């Protein structure tokens, strides 16, 4: 992946000798890019727009998001249609079954975001470039649209009307919650999910715990906050916390109607939680073993073992 430098070849750096399809006027305009503009392009990761691996990752995110949204939507509706006395207790189980294998499959490939919330949180941490994040956002929205298009085409019409296509409803049929309550739940539940999941998704912790353990904890945390959100209100018209702005948006686009009511809370709440979590994470304590620090542990035989921490502070959900 080439950097945007003054001397290297490429369209962005003004060296147009190897691009005959570009007009002389276009070449001249690119040669006039100021150092400040070059620095800005470098900071947002614009060079990744010409990277094949990045676009492969974006397509993988789209497919993975489509699979996740379809699985979550259909299994959640199945829980409520199961005829159980308290079907809500099946919700965290269904979320775990849907999320765990997809996380296990996609974390090594793309980071396993499958959600604009996680992508935005990783951008704030500096784990991915802005250019890659935008590509992921678009891919996640397209994946959600694909998932709900399949749901709409296959679901019984009466069931689709009853559950509003499985979308994110705030005040369905007048028996839900107000926009303020929904916003508070979106913020709180997203923050809890980030607080639990983000630290263990750091590369160092992922190596220590193992990928299956990390995926299991993240899936359990997701199921826990959704279960809490649909039980704490006790209102049948509230579909529960969204936690996934792209999923809520796609359902509203295809089902329309009441799903657009207070739709903004499904974006404002999670992204505000990302900001607050990021600020809080800056004040969190570092790992016990800092780089260069050595500690000694003497056993009962008097032998001394030395331990050194690697001190890695780099945050990456996976190798990109």
C-alpha atoms as a PDB file:
ATOM      1  CA  UNK A   1       0.000   0.000   0.000  1.00  0.00           C
ATOM      2  CA  UNK A   2       1.797   3.081  -1.235  1.00  0.00           C
ATOM      3  CA  UNK A   3       2.053   6.168   0.917  1.00  0.00           C
ATOM      4  CA  UNK A   4       1.184   9.622  -0.373  1.00  0.00           C
ATOM      5  CA  UNK A   5       4.652  11.122  -0.579  1.00  0.00           C
ATOM      6  CA  UNK A   6       6.264  13.817  -2.652  1.00  0.00           C
ATOM      7  CA  UNK A   7       8.570  11.486  -4.539  1.00  0.00           C
ATOM      8  CA  UNK A   8       6.601   8.256  -4.887  1.00  0.00           C
ATOM      9  CA  UNK A   9       4.528   7.320  -7.922  1.00  0.00           C
ATOM     10  CA  UNK A  10       0.770   7.660  -7.905  1.00  0.00           C
ATOM     11  CA  UNK A  11      -2.138   9.892  -8.782  1.00  0.00           C
ATOM     12  CA  UNK A  12      -2.333  11.711  -5.473  1.00  0.00           C
ATOM     13  CA  UNK A  13       1.303  12.718  -5.274  1.00  0.00           C
ATOM     14  CA  UNK A  14       1.413  14.585  -8.571  1.00  0.00           C
ATOM     15  CA  UNK A  15       3.622  12.149 -10.507  1.00  0.00           C
ATOM     16  CA  UNK A  16       1.436  11.584 -13.561  1.00  0.00           C
ATOM     17  CA  UNK A  17       4.005  10.121 -15.943  1.00  0.00           C
ATOM     18  CA  UNK A  18       2.632   6.613 -15.484  1.00  0.00           C
ATOM     19  CA  UNK A  19      -1.022   7.591 -15.920  1.00  0.00           C
ATOM     20  CA  UNK A  20      -1.511   8.527 -19.615  1.00  0.00           C
ATOM     21  CA  UNK A  21      -5.297   8.516 -19.242  1.00  0.00           C
ATOM     22  CA  UNK A  22      -5.143  11.584 -17.039  1.00  0.00           C
ATOM     23  CA  UNK A  23      -5.227  14.882 -18.928  1.00  0.00           C
ATOM     24  CA  UNK A  24      -2.467  17.450 -18.654  1.00  0.00           C
ATOM     25  CA  UNK A  25      -4.878  19.799 -16.921  1.00  0.00           C
ATOM     26  CA  UNK A  26      -5.689  17.155 -14.302  1.00  0.00           C
ATOM     27  CA  UNK A  27      -1.995  16.456 -13.821  1.00  0.00           C
ATOM     28  CA  UNK A  28      -1.261  20.116 -13.317  1.00  0.00           C
ATOM     29  CA  UNK A  29      -4.017  20.467 -10.750  1.00  0.00           C
ATOM     30  CA  UNK A  30      -2.683  17.507  -8.773  1.00  0.00           C
ATOM     31  CA  UNK A  31       0.847  18.898  -8.834  1.00  0.00           C
ATOM     32  CA  UNK A  32      -0.564  21.995  -7.178  1.00  0.00           C
ATOM     33  CA  UNK A  33      -1.703  20.096  -4.065  1.00  0.00           C
ATOM     34  CA  UNK A  34      -0.216  21.880  -1.091  1.00  0.00           C
ATOM     35  CA  UNK A  35       1.776  20.109   1.635  1.00  0.00           C
ATOM     36  CA  UNK A  36      -1.092  20.754   4.039  1.00  0.00           C
ATOM     37  CA  UNK A  37      -3.525  19.005   1.685  1.00  0.00           C
ATOM     38  CA  UNK A  38      -1.105  16.117   1.263  1.00  0.00           C
ATOM     39  CA  UNK A  39      -0.823  15.793   5.016  1.00  0.00           C
ATOM     40  CA  UNK A  40      -4.616  15.805   5.355  1.00  0.00           C
ATOM     41  CA  UNK A  41      -4.981  13.060   2.725  1.00  0.00           C
ATOM     42  CA  UNK A  42      -2.348  11.024   4.511  1.00  0.00           C
ATOM     43  CA  UNK A  43      -4.038  11.467   7.888  1.00  0.00           C
ATOM     44  CA  UNK A  44      -7.431  10.257   6.688  1.00  0.00           C
ATOM     45  CA  UNK A  45      -5.802   7.284   4.977  1.00  0.00           C
ATOM     46  CA  UNK A  46      -6.823   8.228   1.447  1.00  0.00           C
ATOM     47  CA  UNK A  47      -4.129   5.905   0.059  1.00  0.00           C
ATOM     48  CA  UNK A  48      -6.260   2.973   1.238  1.00  0.00           C
ATOM     49  CA  UNK A  49      -8.883   3.900  -1.349  1.00  0.00           C
ATOM     50  CA  UNK A  50      -6.474   2.434  -3.916  1.00  0.00           C
ATOM     51  CA  UNK A  51      -5.778  -0.657  -1.831  1.00  0.00           C
ATOM     52  CA  UNK A  52      -7.322  -3.936  -2.990  1.00  0.00           C
ATOM     53  CA  UNK A  53      -7.119  -5.551   0.493  1.00  0.00           C
ATOM     54  CA  UNK A  54      -9.166  -2.701   1.961  1.00  0.00           C
ATOM     55  CA  UNK A  55     -11.966  -3.173  -0.556  1.00  0.00           C
ATOM     56  CA  UNK A  56     -11.873  -6.909  -0.004  1.00  0.00           C
ATOM     57  CA  UNK A  57     -12.284  -6.248   3.715  1.00  0.00           C
ATOM     58  CA  UNK A  58     -15.191  -3.878   3.007  1.00  0.00           C
ATOM     59  CA  UNK A  59     -16.980  -6.500   0.894  1.00  0.00           C
ATOM     60  CA  UNK A  60     -16.404  -9.037   3.667  1.00  0.00           C
ATOM     61  CA  UNK A  61     -17.913  -6.587   6.155  1.00  0.00           C
ATOM     62  CA  UNK A  62     -20.959  -6.200   3.916  1.00  0.00           C
ATOM     63  CA  UNK A  63     -21.516  -9.959   3.653  1.00  0.00           C
ATOM     64  CA  UNK A  64     -20.853 -10.531   7.362  1.00  0.00           C
ATOM     65  CA  UNK A  65     -23.201  -7.713   8.362  1.00  0.00           C
ATOM     66  CA  UNK A  66     -25.928  -9.103   6.109  1.00  0.00           C
ATOM     67  CA  UNK A  67     -25.538 -12.536   7.713  1.00  0.00           C
ATOM     68  CA  UNK A  68     -25.551 -11.097  11.238  1.00  0.00           C
ATOM     69  CA  UNK A  69     -28.580  -8.847  10.730  1.00  0.00           C
ATOM     70  CA  UNK A  70     -30.565 -11.612   9.011  1.00  0.00           C
ATOM     71  CA  UNK A  71     -29.705 -14.122  11.740  1.00  0.00           C
ATOM     72  CA  UNK A  72     -30.446 -11.710  14.592  1.00  0.00           C
ATOM     73  CA  UNK A  73     -33.743 -10.536  13.114  1.00  0.00           C
ATOM     74  CA  UNK A  74     -35.133 -13.948  12.294  1.00  0.00           C
ATOM     75  CA  UNK A  75     -34.023 -15.622  15.532  1.00  0.00           C
ATOM     76  CA  UNK A  76     -35.394 -12.802  17.688  1.00  0.00           C
ATOM     77  CA  UNK A  77     -38.785 -13.012  15.963  1.00  0.00           C
ATOM     78  CA  UNK A  78     -38.676 -16.781  16.375  1.00  0.00           C
ATOM     79  CA  UNK A  79     -38.131 -16.309  20.111  1.00  0.00           C
ATOM     80  CA  UNK A  80     -41.297 -14.249  20.456  1.00  0.00           C
ATOM     81  CA  UNK A  81     -43.232 -16.629  18.231  1.00  0.00           C
ATOM     82  CA  UNK A  82     -42.062 -19.695  20.149  1.00  0.00           C
ATOM     83  CA  UNK A  83     -45.097 -19.807  22.406  1.00  0.00           C
ATOM     84  CA  UNK A  84     -42.959 -19.846  25.552  1.00  0.00           C
ATOM     85  CA  UNK A  85     -44.395 -18.313  28.722  1.00  0.00           C
ATOM     86  CA  UNK A  86     -41.481 -15.868  28.862  1.00  0.00           C
ATOM     87  CA  UNK A  87     -39.834 -15.791  25.417  1.00  0.00           C
ATOM     88  CA  UNK A  88     -37.579 -12.898  26.415  1.00  0.00           C
ATOM     89  CA  UNK A  89     -35.277 -15.316  28.228  1.00  0.00           C
ATOM     90  CA  UNK A  90     -34.481 -16.901  24.843  1.00  0.00           C
ATOM     91  CA  UNK A  91     -33.218 -13.579  23.428  1.00  0.00           C
ATOM     92  CA  UNK A  92     -29.651 -13.609  24.836  1.00  0.00           C
ATOM     93  CA  UNK A  93     -29.276 -17.256  23.813  1.00  0.00           C
ATOM     94  CA  UNK A  94     -30.314 -16.526  20.241  1.00  0.00           C
ATOM     95  CA  UNK A  95     -28.005 -13.513  20.056  1.00  0.00           C
ATOM     96  CA  UNK A  96     -25.066 -15.587  21.283  1.00  0.00           C
ATOM     97  CA  UNK A  97     -25.787 -18.343  18.754  1.00  0.00           C
ATOM     98  CA  UNK A  98     -25.986 -15.774  15.943  1.00  0.00           C
ATOM     99  CA  UNK A  99     -23.052 -13.598  16.928  1.00  0.00           C
ATOM    100  CA  UNK A 100     -20.397 -16.003  18.196  1.00  0.00           C
ATOM    101  CA  UNK A 101     -19.618 -17.900  14.959  1.00  0.00           C
ATOM    102  CA  UNK A 102     -19.662 -14.724  12.852  1.00  0.00           C
ATOM    103  CA  UNK A 103     -17.250 -12.988  15.226  1.00  0.00           C
ATOM    104  CA  UNK A 104     -15.017 -16.040  15.194  1.00  0.00           C
ATOM    105  CA  UNK A 105     -14.973 -16.027  11.395  1.00  0.00           C
ATOM    106  CA  UNK A 106     -14.581 -12.301  10.705  1.00  0.00           C
ATOM    107  CA  UNK A 107     -12.301 -10.924  13.440  1.00  0.00           C
ATOM    108  CA  UNK A 108      -9.182 -12.352  11.755  1.00  0.00           C
ATOM    109  CA  UNK A 109     -10.339 -11.019   8.363  1.00  0.00           C
ATOM    110  CA  UNK A 110     -11.716  -7.511   8.937  1.00  0.00           C
ATOM    111  CA  UNK A 111     -11.746  -6.981  12.678  1.00  0.00           C
ATOM    112  CA  UNK A 112     -15.275  -8.310  12.967  1.00  0.00           C
ATOM    113  CA  UNK A 113     -16.957  -4.907  13.231  1.00  0.00           C
ATOM    114  CA  UNK A 114     -20.268  -5.657  11.444  1.00  0.00           C
ATOM    115  CA  UNK A 115     -21.643  -2.557  13.172  1.00  0.00           C
ATOM    116  CA  UNK A 116     -21.033   1.206  12.693  1.00  0.00           C
ATOM    117  CA  UNK A 117     -20.753   1.560  16.479  1.00  0.00           C
ATOM    118  CA  UNK A 118     -17.659  -0.635  16.703  1.00  0.00           C
ATOM    119  CA  UNK A 119     -16.138   0.930  13.600  1.00  0.00           C
ATOM    120  CA  UNK A 120     -16.589   4.419  15.059  1.00  0.00           C
ATOM    121  CA  UNK A 121     -15.145   3.334  18.411  1.00  0.00           C
ATOM    122  CA  UNK A 122     -12.072   1.875  16.693  1.00  0.00           C
ATOM    123  CA  UNK A 123     -11.620   5.063  14.631  1.00  0.00           C
ATOM    124  CA  UNK A 124     -11.532   7.086  17.851  1.00  0.00           C
ATOM    125  CA  UNK A 125      -8.862   4.693  19.157  1.00  0.00           C
ATOM    126  CA  UNK A 126      -6.836   5.156  15.970  1.00  0.00           C
ATOM    127  CA  UNK A 127      -7.219   1.497  14.974  1.00  0.00           C
ATOM    128  CA  UNK A 128      -8.430   2.175  11.419  1.00  0.00           C
ATOM    129  CA  UNK A 129      -8.197   5.099   9.043  1.00  0.00           C
ATOM    130  CA  UNK A 130     -11.117   7.392   8.331  1.00  0.00           C
ATOM    131  CA  UNK A 131     -11.155   6.230   4.700  1.00  0.00           C
ATOM    132  CA  UNK A 132     -11.468   2.585   5.751  1.00  0.00           C
ATOM    133  CA  UNK A 133     -14.118   3.497   8.316  1.00  0.00           C
ATOM    134  CA  UNK A 134     -16.249   5.224   5.665  1.00  0.00           C
ATOM    135  CA  UNK A 135     -15.946   2.154   3.429  1.00  0.00           C
ATOM    136  CA  UNK A 136     -16.998  -0.041   6.361  1.00  0.00           C
ATOM    137  CA  UNK A 137     -19.953   2.245   7.166  1.00  0.00           C
ATOM    138  CA  UNK A 138     -21.239   2.012   3.608  1.00  0.00           C
ATOM    139  CA  UNK A 139     -20.682  -1.740   3.543  1.00  0.00           C
ATOM    140  CA  UNK A 140     -22.546  -2.229   6.833  1.00  0.00           C
ATOM    141  CA  UNK A 141     -25.521  -0.190   5.616  1.00  0.00           C
ATOM    142  CA  UNK A 142     -25.656  -2.117   2.339  1.00  0.00           C
ATOM    143  CA  UNK A 143     -25.353  -5.415   4.204  1.00  0.00           C
ATOM    144  CA  UNK A 144     -28.247  -4.450   6.475  1.00  0.00           C
ATOM    145  CA  UNK A 145     -30.380  -3.517   3.468  1.00  0.00           C
ATOM    146  CA  UNK A 146     -29.657  -6.875   1.853  1.00  0.00           C
ATOM    147  CA  UNK A 147     -30.582  -8.716   5.050  1.00  0.00           C
ATOM    148  CA  UNK A 148     -33.909  -6.945   5.493  1.00  0.00           C
ATOM    149  CA  UNK A 149     -34.724  -7.308   1.801  1.00  0.00           C
ATOM    150  CA  UNK A 150     -34.413 -11.079   2.237  1.00  0.00           C
ATOM    151  CA  UNK A 151     -36.447 -10.948   5.468  1.00  0.00           C
ATOM    152  CA  UNK A 152     -39.178  -8.925   3.778  1.00  0.00           C
ATOM    153  CA  UNK A 153     -39.293 -11.289   0.792  1.00  0.00           C
ATOM    154  CA  UNK A 154     -39.501 -14.437   2.899  1.00  0.00           C
ATOM    155  CA  UNK A 155     -41.412 -13.462   6.034  1.00  0.00           C
ATOM    156  CA  UNK A 156     -45.153 -13.986   6.307  1.00  0.00           C
ATOM    157  CA  UNK A 157     -46.924 -10.667   5.731  1.00  0.00           C
ATOM    158  CA  UNK A 158     -48.909 -10.849   8.979  1.00  0.00           C
ATOM    159  CA  UNK A 159     -45.739 -11.581  10.971  1.00  0.00           C
ATOM    160  CA  UNK A 160     -43.901  -8.743   9.250  1.00  0.00           C
ATOM    161  CA  UNK A 161     -46.671  -6.331  10.177  1.00  0.00           C
ATOM    162  CA  UNK A 162     -46.845  -7.615  13.741  1.00  0.00           C
ATOM    163  CA  UNK A 163     -43.120  -7.196  14.400  1.00  0.00           C
ATOM    164  CA  UNK A 164     -42.569  -4.299  11.982  1.00  0.00           C
ATOM    165  CA  UNK A 165     -40.122  -6.433  10.014  1.00  0.00           C
ATOM    166  CA  UNK A 166     -38.073  -6.926  13.167  1.00  0.00           C
ATOM    167  CA  UNK A 167     -36.874  -3.321  13.036  1.00  0.00           C
ATOM    168  CA  UNK A 168     -36.076  -0.835  15.799  1.00  0.00           C
ATOM    169  CA  UNK A 169     -39.338   0.598  17.091  1.00  0.00           C
ATOM    170  CA  UNK A 170     -39.602   3.156  19.889  1.00  0.00           C
ATOM    171  CA  UNK A 171     -43.340   3.626  20.301  1.00  0.00           C
ATOM    172  CA  UNK A 172     -44.917   0.875  18.235  1.00  0.00           C
ATOM    173  CA  UNK A 173     -48.689   1.148  18.326  1.00  0.00           C
ATOM    174  CA  UNK A 174     -48.544   3.738  21.070  1.00  0.00           C
ATOM    175  CA  UNK A 175     -47.522   1.108  23.654  1.00  0.00           C
ATOM    176  CA  UNK A 176     -43.779   1.727  23.612  1.00  0.00           C
ATOM    177  CA  UNK A 177     -41.518   4.226  25.324  1.00  0.00           C
ATOM    178  CA  UNK A 178     -40.766   7.890  24.758  1.00  0.00           C
ATOM    179  CA  UNK A 179     -37.821   9.110  22.703  1.00  0.00           C
ATOM    180  CA  UNK A 180     -35.996  10.245  25.842  1.00  0.00           C
ATOM    181  CA  UNK A 181     -36.220   6.803  27.457  1.00  0.00           C
ATOM    182  CA  UNK A 182     -35.121   5.115  24.247  1.00  0.00           C
ATOM    183  CA  UNK A 183     -32.162   7.498  23.935  1.00  0.00           C
ATOM    184  CA  UNK A 184     -31.100   6.789  27.517  1.00  0.00           C
ATOM    185  CA  UNK A 185     -31.266   3.038  26.887  1.00  0.00           C
ATOM    186  CA  UNK A 186     -29.333   3.299  23.609  1.00  0.00           C
ATOM    187  CA  UNK A 187     -26.597   5.292  25.319  1.00  0.00           C
ATOM    188  CA  UNK A 188     -26.399   3.142  28.452  1.00  0.00           C
ATOM    189  CA  UNK A 189     -26.520  -0.251  26.760  1.00  0.00           C
ATOM    190  CA  UNK A 190     -24.008   0.765  24.078  1.00  0.00           C
ATOM    191  CA  UNK A 191     -21.645   2.097  26.725  1.00  0.00           C
ATOM    192  CA  UNK A 192     -21.881  -1.158  28.726  1.00  0.00           C
ATOM    193  CA  UNK A 193     -21.188  -3.180  25.586  1.00  0.00           C
ATOM    194  CA  UNK A 194     -18.144  -1.071  24.727  1.00  0.00           C
ATOM    195  CA  UNK A 195     -16.875  -1.137  28.312  1.00  0.00           C
ATOM    196  CA  UNK A 196     -16.978  -4.934  28.349  1.00  0.00           C
ATOM    197  CA  UNK A 197     -15.979  -5.760  24.785  1.00  0.00           C
ATOM    198  CA  UNK A 198     -13.415  -3.175  23.705  1.00  0.00           C
ATOM    199  CA  UNK A 199     -10.669  -3.918  26.272  1.00  0.00           C
ATOM    200  CA  UNK A 200     -10.657  -7.642  25.522  1.00  0.00           C
ATOM    201  CA  UNK A 201     -10.557  -6.968  21.777  1.00  0.00           C
ATOM    202  CA  UNK A 202      -7.164  -5.320  22.080  1.00  0.00           C
ATOM    203  CA  UNK A 203      -4.571  -7.399  20.286  1.00  0.00           C
ATOM    204  CA  UNK A 204      -2.590  -8.161  23.426  1.00  0.00           C
ATOM    205  CA  UNK A 205      -5.635  -9.361  25.378  1.00  0.00           C
ATOM    206  CA  UNK A 206      -6.820 -11.330  22.372  1.00  0.00           C
ATOM    207  CA  UNK A 207      -3.528 -13.213  22.336  1.00  0.00           C
ATOM    208  CA  UNK A 208      -3.722 -13.852  26.072  1.00  0.00           C
ATOM    209  CA  UNK A 209      -7.344 -15.017  26.200  1.00  0.00           C
ATOM    210  CA  UNK A 210      -7.628 -16.663  22.809  1.00  0.00           C
ATOM    211  CA  UNK A 211      -9.978 -15.764  19.994  1.00  0.00           C
ATOM    212  CA  UNK A 212     -12.851 -18.107  21.002  1.00  0.00           C
ATOM    213  CA  UNK A 213     -12.946 -16.657  24.525  1.00  0.00           C
ATOM    214  CA  UNK A 214     -12.941 -13.089  23.226  1.00  0.00           C
ATOM    215  CA  UNK A 215     -15.768 -13.837  20.782  1.00  0.00           C
ATOM    216  CA  UNK A 216     -17.778 -15.572  23.487  1.00  0.00           C
ATOM    217  CA  UNK A 217     -17.475 -12.644  25.921  1.00  0.00           C
ATOM    218  CA  UNK A 218     -18.447 -10.113  23.225  1.00  0.00           C
ATOM    219  CA  UNK A 219     -21.478 -12.183  22.164  1.00  0.00           C
ATOM    220  CA  UNK A 220     -22.606 -12.683  25.779  1.00  0.00           C
ATOM    221  CA  UNK A 221     -22.287  -8.940  26.468  1.00  0.00           C
ATOM    222  CA  UNK A 222     -24.393  -8.157  23.385  1.00  0.00           C
ATOM    223  CA  UNK A 223     -27.115 -10.565  24.446  1.00  0.00           C
ATOM    224  CA  UNK A 224     -27.065  -9.291  28.019  1.00  0.00           C
ATOM    225  CA  UNK A 225     -27.695  -5.634  27.173  1.00  0.00           C
ATOM    226  CA  UNK A 226     -30.468  -6.466  24.676  1.00  0.00           C
ATOM    227  CA  UNK A 227     -32.192  -8.668  27.255  1.00  0.00           C
ATOM    228  CA  UNK A 228     -31.943  -5.925  29.874  1.00  0.00           C
ATOM    229  CA  UNK A 229     -33.374  -3.321  27.506  1.00  0.00           C
ATOM    230  CA  UNK A 230     -36.496  -5.309  26.620  1.00  0.00           C
ATOM    231  CA  UNK A 231     -37.229  -6.298  30.223  1.00  0.00           C
ATOM    232  CA  UNK A 232     -36.496  -3.078  32.095  1.00  0.00           C
ATOM    233  CA  UNK A 233     -39.277  -1.115  30.368  1.00  0.00           C
ATOM    234  CA  UNK A 234     -41.967  -3.788  30.323  1.00  0.00           C
ATOM    235  CA  UNK A 235     -43.576  -2.073  27.326  1.00  0.00           C
ATOM    236  CA  UNK A 236     -44.666  -4.378  24.460  1.00  0.00           C
ATOM    237  CA  UNK A 237     -44.391  -1.633  21.839  1.00  0.00           C
ATOM    238  CA  UNK A 238     -40.677  -1.128  22.494  1.00  0.00           C
ATOM    239  CA  UNK A 239     -38.533  -3.407  20.351  1.00  0.00           C
ATOM    240  CA  UNK A 240     -35.521  -3.171  22.645  1.00  0.00           C
ATOM    241  CA  UNK A 241     -32.204  -1.423  22.283  1.00  0.00           C
ATOM    242  CA  UNK A 242     -30.960  -1.230  18.697  1.00  0.00           C
ATOM    243  CA  UNK A 243     -27.169  -1.112  19.247  1.00  0.00           C
ATOM    244  CA  UNK A 244     -26.807  -1.190  15.469  1.00  0.00           C
ATOM    245  CA  UNK A 245     -27.687   2.053  13.621  1.00  0.00           C
ATOM    246  CA  UNK A 246     -27.324   0.449  10.183  1.00  0.00           C
ATOM    247  CA  UNK A 247     -29.768  -2.316  11.090  1.00  0.00           C
ATOM    248  CA  UNK A 248     -32.323   0.177  12.392  1.00  0.00           C
ATOM    249  CA  UNK A 249     -31.909   2.371   9.314  1.00  0.00           C
ATOM    250  CA  UNK A 250     -32.298  -0.492   6.838  1.00  0.00           C
ATOM    251  CA  UNK A 251     -35.500  -1.738   8.476  1.00  0.00           C
ATOM    252  CA  UNK A 252     -36.952   1.778   8.445  1.00  0.00           C
ATOM    253  CA  UNK A 253     -36.094   2.216   4.760  1.00  0.00           C
ATOM    254  CA  UNK A 254     -37.893  -0.990   3.751  1.00  0.00           C
ATOM    255  CA  UNK A 255     -40.789  -1.040   6.236  1.00  0.00           C
ATOM    256  CA  UNK A 256     -41.228   2.738   6.598  1.00  0.00           C
ATOM    257  CA  UNK A 257     -44.158   3.794   8.779  1.00  0.00           C
ATOM    258  CA  UNK A 258     -43.612   4.037  12.532  1.00  0.00           C
ATOM    259  CA  UNK A 259     -39.997   2.859  12.358  1.00  0.00           C
ATOM    260  CA  UNK A 260     -38.990   6.395  11.376  1.00  0.00           C
ATOM    261  CA  UNK A 261     -40.521   7.735  14.587  1.00  0.00           C
ATOM    262  CA  UNK A 262     -37.668   9.042  16.781  1.00  0.00           C
ATOM    263  CA  UNK A 263     -35.269   7.132  14.520  1.00  0.00           C
ATOM    264  CA  UNK A 264     -32.495   9.561  15.413  1.00  0.00           C
ATOM    265  CA  UNK A 265     -32.100   8.016  18.888  1.00  0.00           C
ATOM    266  CA  UNK A 266     -30.647   4.871  17.304  1.00  0.00           C
ATOM    267  CA  UNK A 267     -27.786   6.975  15.924  1.00  0.00           C
ATOM    268  CA  UNK A 268     -27.308   9.674  18.551  1.00  0.00           C
ATOM    269  CA  UNK A 269     -27.316   7.348  21.574  1.00  0.00           C
ATOM    270  CA  UNK A 270     -24.705   4.816  20.368  1.00  0.00           C
ATOM    271  CA  UNK A 271     -22.332   7.398  18.866  1.00  0.00           C
ATOM    272  CA  UNK A 272     -22.543   9.560  21.981  1.00  0.00           C
ATOM    273  CA  UNK A 273     -21.699   6.465  24.019  1.00  0.00           C
ATOM    274  CA  UNK A 274     -18.636   5.933  21.803  1.00  0.00           C
ATOM    275  CA  UNK A 275     -17.411   9.462  22.564  1.00  0.00           C
ATOM    276  CA  UNK A 276     -17.948   9.093  26.297  1.00  0.00           C
ATOM    277  CA  UNK A 277     -16.298   5.680  26.376  1.00  0.00           C
ATOM    278  CA  UNK A 278     -13.304   6.979  24.429  1.00  0.00           C
ATOM    279  CA  UNK A 279     -12.805   9.877  26.851  1.00  0.00           C
ATOM    280  CA  UNK A 280     -13.122   7.521  29.814  1.00  0.00           C
ATOM    281  CA  UNK A 281     -10.717   5.012  28.279  1.00  0.00           C
ATOM    282  CA  UNK A 282      -8.016   7.679  28.188  1.00  0.00           C
ATOM    283  CA  UNK A 283      -8.172   7.802  31.987  1.00  0.00           C
ATOM    284  CA  UNK A 284      -8.269   4.040  32.498  1.00  0.00           C
ATOM    285  CA  UNK A 285      -5.226   2.432  34.157  1.00  0.00           C
ATOM    286  CA  UNK A 286      -2.641   0.813  31.948  1.00  0.00           C
ATOM    287  CA  UNK A 287      -1.636  -2.832  32.113  1.00  0.00           C
ATOM    288  CA  UNK A 288       0.083  -3.835  35.350  1.00  0.00           C
ATOM    289  CA  UNK A 289       3.358  -4.590  33.613  1.00  0.00           C
ATOM    290  CA  UNK A 290       4.695  -1.572  31.759  1.00  0.00           C
ATOM    291  CA  UNK A 291       7.359  -1.721  29.090  1.00  0.00           C
ATOM    292  CA  UNK A 292      10.792  -2.008  30.589  1.00  0.00           C
ATOM    293  CA  UNK A 293       9.531  -2.685  34.114  1.00  0.00           C
ATOM    294  CA  UNK A 294      10.904  -5.811  35.687  1.00  0.00           C
ATOM    295  CA  UNK A 295       9.629  -7.630  38.740  1.00  0.00           C
ATOM    296  CA  UNK A 296      11.131 -10.483  40.622  1.00  0.00           C
ATOM    297  CA  UNK A 297       9.312 -13.480  42.076  1.00  0.00           C
ATOM    298  CA  UNK A 298      11.193 -15.739  44.432  1.00  0.00           C
ATOM    299  CA  UNK A 299       9.927 -19.287  44.920  1.00  0.00           C
ATOM    300  CA  UNK A 300      10.313 -21.467  47.993  1.00  0.00           C
ATOM    301  CA  UNK A 301      13.678 -22.779  46.731  1.00  0.00           C
ATOM    302  CA  UNK A 302      15.106 -19.292  46.520  1.00  0.00           C
ATOM    303  CA  UNK A 303      15.144 -19.190  42.731  1.00  0.00           C
ATOM    304  CA  UNK A 304      14.385 -15.834  41.198  1.00  0.00           C
ATOM    305  CA  UNK A 305      12.280 -15.518  38.069  1.00  0.00           C
ATOM    306  CA  UNK A 306      12.127 -12.266  36.107  1.00  0.00           C
ATOM    307  CA  UNK A 307       9.081 -11.081  34.294  1.00  0.00           C
ATOM    308  CA  UNK A 308       8.967  -8.287  31.727  1.00  0.00           C
ATOM    309  CA  UNK A 309       5.812  -6.759  30.242  1.00  0.00           C
ATOM    310  CA  UNK A 310       5.791  -5.981  26.548  1.00  0.00           C
ATOM    311  CA  UNK A 311       4.034  -2.679  27.236  1.00  0.00           C
ATOM    312  CA  UNK A 312       2.087  -2.742  24.003  1.00  0.00           C
ATOM    313  CA  UNK A 313      -0.449   0.107  23.883  1.00  0.00           C
ATOM    314  CA  UNK A 314      -1.451  -0.256  20.258  1.00  0.00           C
ATOM    315  CA  UNK A 315      -5.165  -0.825  19.817  1.00  0.00           C
ATOM    316  CA  UNK A 316      -6.277  -3.012  16.960  1.00  0.00           C
ATOM    317  CA  UNK A 317      -9.256  -5.294  16.777  1.00  0.00           C
ATOM    318  CA  UNK A 318      -7.300  -7.274  14.231  1.00  0.00           C
ATOM    319  CA  UNK A 319      -4.472  -6.964  11.762  1.00  0.00           C
ATOM    320  CA  UNK A 320      -5.741  -4.903   8.874  1.00  0.00           C
END
